[in-house]
Amino acid sequence: MKKIRNFSKRQLSGLVGQWVGMIAVVIGIVIEIQLGAHLGFVLITAGALAYAIATKLLNF
């Protein structure tokens, strides 16, 4: 718990954003493979964008 307290709000939101982005990409890939739906492409794109923004917040 101490490690989380050392993060600033910006870094913590970046970390959470990366997880959300990764999960959205994985769900999008699964939907695309199983259903062949265009929703998969939307989730993959949105997840990648969220991951990129979150990475910028983390200052990498």
C-alpha atoms as a PDB file:
ATOM      1  CA  MET A   1       0.000   0.000   0.000  1.00  0.00           C
ATOM      2  CA  LYS A   2       2.927   2.352   0.594  1.00  0.00           C
ATOM      3  CA  LYS A   3       3.943   2.083  -3.058  1.00  0.00           C
ATOM      4  CA  ILE A   4       0.537   3.364  -4.160  1.00  0.00           C
ATOM      5  CA  ARG A   5       0.795   6.324  -1.797  1.00  0.00           C
ATOM      6  CA  ASN A   6       4.082   7.372  -3.400  1.00  0.00           C
ATOM      7  CA  PHE A   7       2.390   7.808  -6.789  1.00  0.00           C
ATOM      8  CA  SER A   8       1.050  11.205  -7.732  1.00  0.00           C
ATOM      9  CA  LYS A   9      -2.530  11.410  -8.965  1.00  0.00           C
ATOM     10  CA  ARG A  10      -1.232  11.840 -12.506  1.00  0.00           C
ATOM     11  CA  GLN A  11       0.923   8.715 -12.300  1.00  0.00           C
ATOM     12  CA  LEU A  12      -1.863   6.693 -10.701  1.00  0.00           C
ATOM     13  CA  SER A  13      -4.345   7.729 -13.382  1.00  0.00           C
ATOM     14  CA  GLY A  14      -1.743   6.803 -15.997  1.00  0.00           C
ATOM     15  CA  LEU A  15      -1.288   3.374 -14.456  1.00  0.00           C
ATOM     16  CA  VAL A  16      -5.030   2.738 -14.265  1.00  0.00           C
ATOM     17  CA  GLY A  17      -5.442   4.056 -17.804  1.00  0.00           C
ATOM     18  CA  GLN A  18      -2.871   1.608 -19.112  1.00  0.00           C
ATOM     19  CA  TRP A  19      -4.726  -1.301 -17.517  1.00  0.00           C
ATOM     20  CA  VAL A  20      -8.050  -0.099 -18.916  1.00  0.00           C
ATOM     21  CA  GLY A  21      -6.483   0.285 -22.365  1.00  0.00           C
ATOM     22  CA  MET A  22      -4.942  -3.182 -22.282  1.00  0.00           C
ATOM     23  CA  ILE A  23      -8.203  -4.783 -21.165  1.00  0.00           C
ATOM     24  CA  ALA A  24     -10.159  -2.962 -23.899  1.00  0.00           C
ATOM     25  CA  VAL A  25      -7.711  -4.171 -26.554  1.00  0.00           C
ATOM     26  CA  VAL A  26      -7.915  -7.771 -25.337  1.00  0.00           C
ATOM     27  CA  ILE A  27     -11.727  -7.682 -25.224  1.00  0.00           C
ATOM     28  CA  GLY A  28     -11.764  -6.145 -28.708  1.00  0.00           C
ATOM     29  CA  ILE A  29      -9.533  -8.897 -30.081  1.00  0.00           C
ATOM     30  CA  VAL A  30     -11.694 -11.607 -28.507  1.00  0.00           C
ATOM     31  CA  ILE A  31     -14.906 -10.065 -29.889  1.00  0.00           C
ATOM     32  CA  GLU A  32     -13.335  -9.716 -33.318  1.00  0.00           C
ATOM     33  CA  ILE A  33     -12.177 -13.338 -33.391  1.00  0.00           C
ATOM     34  CA  GLN A  34     -15.376 -14.853 -32.001  1.00  0.00           C
ATOM     35  CA  LEU A  35     -18.027 -12.688 -33.626  1.00  0.00           C
ATOM     36  CA  GLY A  36     -16.264 -10.997 -36.512  1.00  0.00           C
ATOM     37  CA  ALA A  37     -18.000  -7.808 -35.393  1.00  0.00           C
ATOM     38  CA  HIS A  38     -16.790  -4.302 -36.115  1.00  0.00           C
ATOM     39  CA  LEU A  39     -17.182  -3.522 -32.419  1.00  0.00           C
ATOM     40  CA  GLY A  40     -13.889  -5.363 -31.942  1.00  0.00           C
ATOM     41  CA  PHE A  41     -12.070  -2.850 -34.137  1.00  0.00           C
ATOM     42  CA  VAL A  42     -13.602   0.030 -32.203  1.00  0.00           C
ATOM     43  CA  LEU A  43     -12.491  -1.449 -28.864  1.00  0.00           C
ATOM     44  CA  ILE A  44      -8.992  -2.170 -30.172  1.00  0.00           C
ATOM     45  CA  THR A  45      -8.628   1.405 -31.430  1.00  0.00           C
ATOM     46  CA  ALA A  46     -10.075   2.982 -28.279  1.00  0.00           C
ATOM     47  CA  GLY A  47      -7.941   0.752 -26.058  1.00  0.00           C
ATOM     48  CA  ALA A  48      -4.781   1.621 -27.959  1.00  0.00           C
ATOM     49  CA  LEU A  49      -5.597   5.322 -27.707  1.00  0.00           C
ATOM     50  CA  ALA A  50      -6.291   5.052 -23.967  1.00  0.00           C
ATOM     51  CA  TYR A  51      -3.025   3.170 -23.477  1.00  0.00           C
ATOM     52  CA  ALA A  52      -1.074   5.836 -25.380  1.00  0.00           C
ATOM     53  CA  ILE A  53      -2.590   8.688 -23.365  1.00  0.00           C
ATOM     54  CA  ALA A  54      -2.005   6.837 -20.094  1.00  0.00           C
ATOM     55  CA  THR A  55       1.611   6.189 -21.034  1.00  0.00           C
ATOM     56  CA  LYS A  56       2.054   9.911 -21.633  1.00  0.00           C
ATOM     57  CA  LEU A  57       0.596  10.576 -18.163  1.00  0.00           C
ATOM     58  CA  LEU A  58       3.125   8.210 -16.627  1.00  0.00           C
ATOM     59  CA  ASN A  59       5.967  10.225 -18.204  1.00  0.00           C
ATOM     60  CA  PHE A  60       7.634   7.389 -20.082  1.00  0.00           C
END
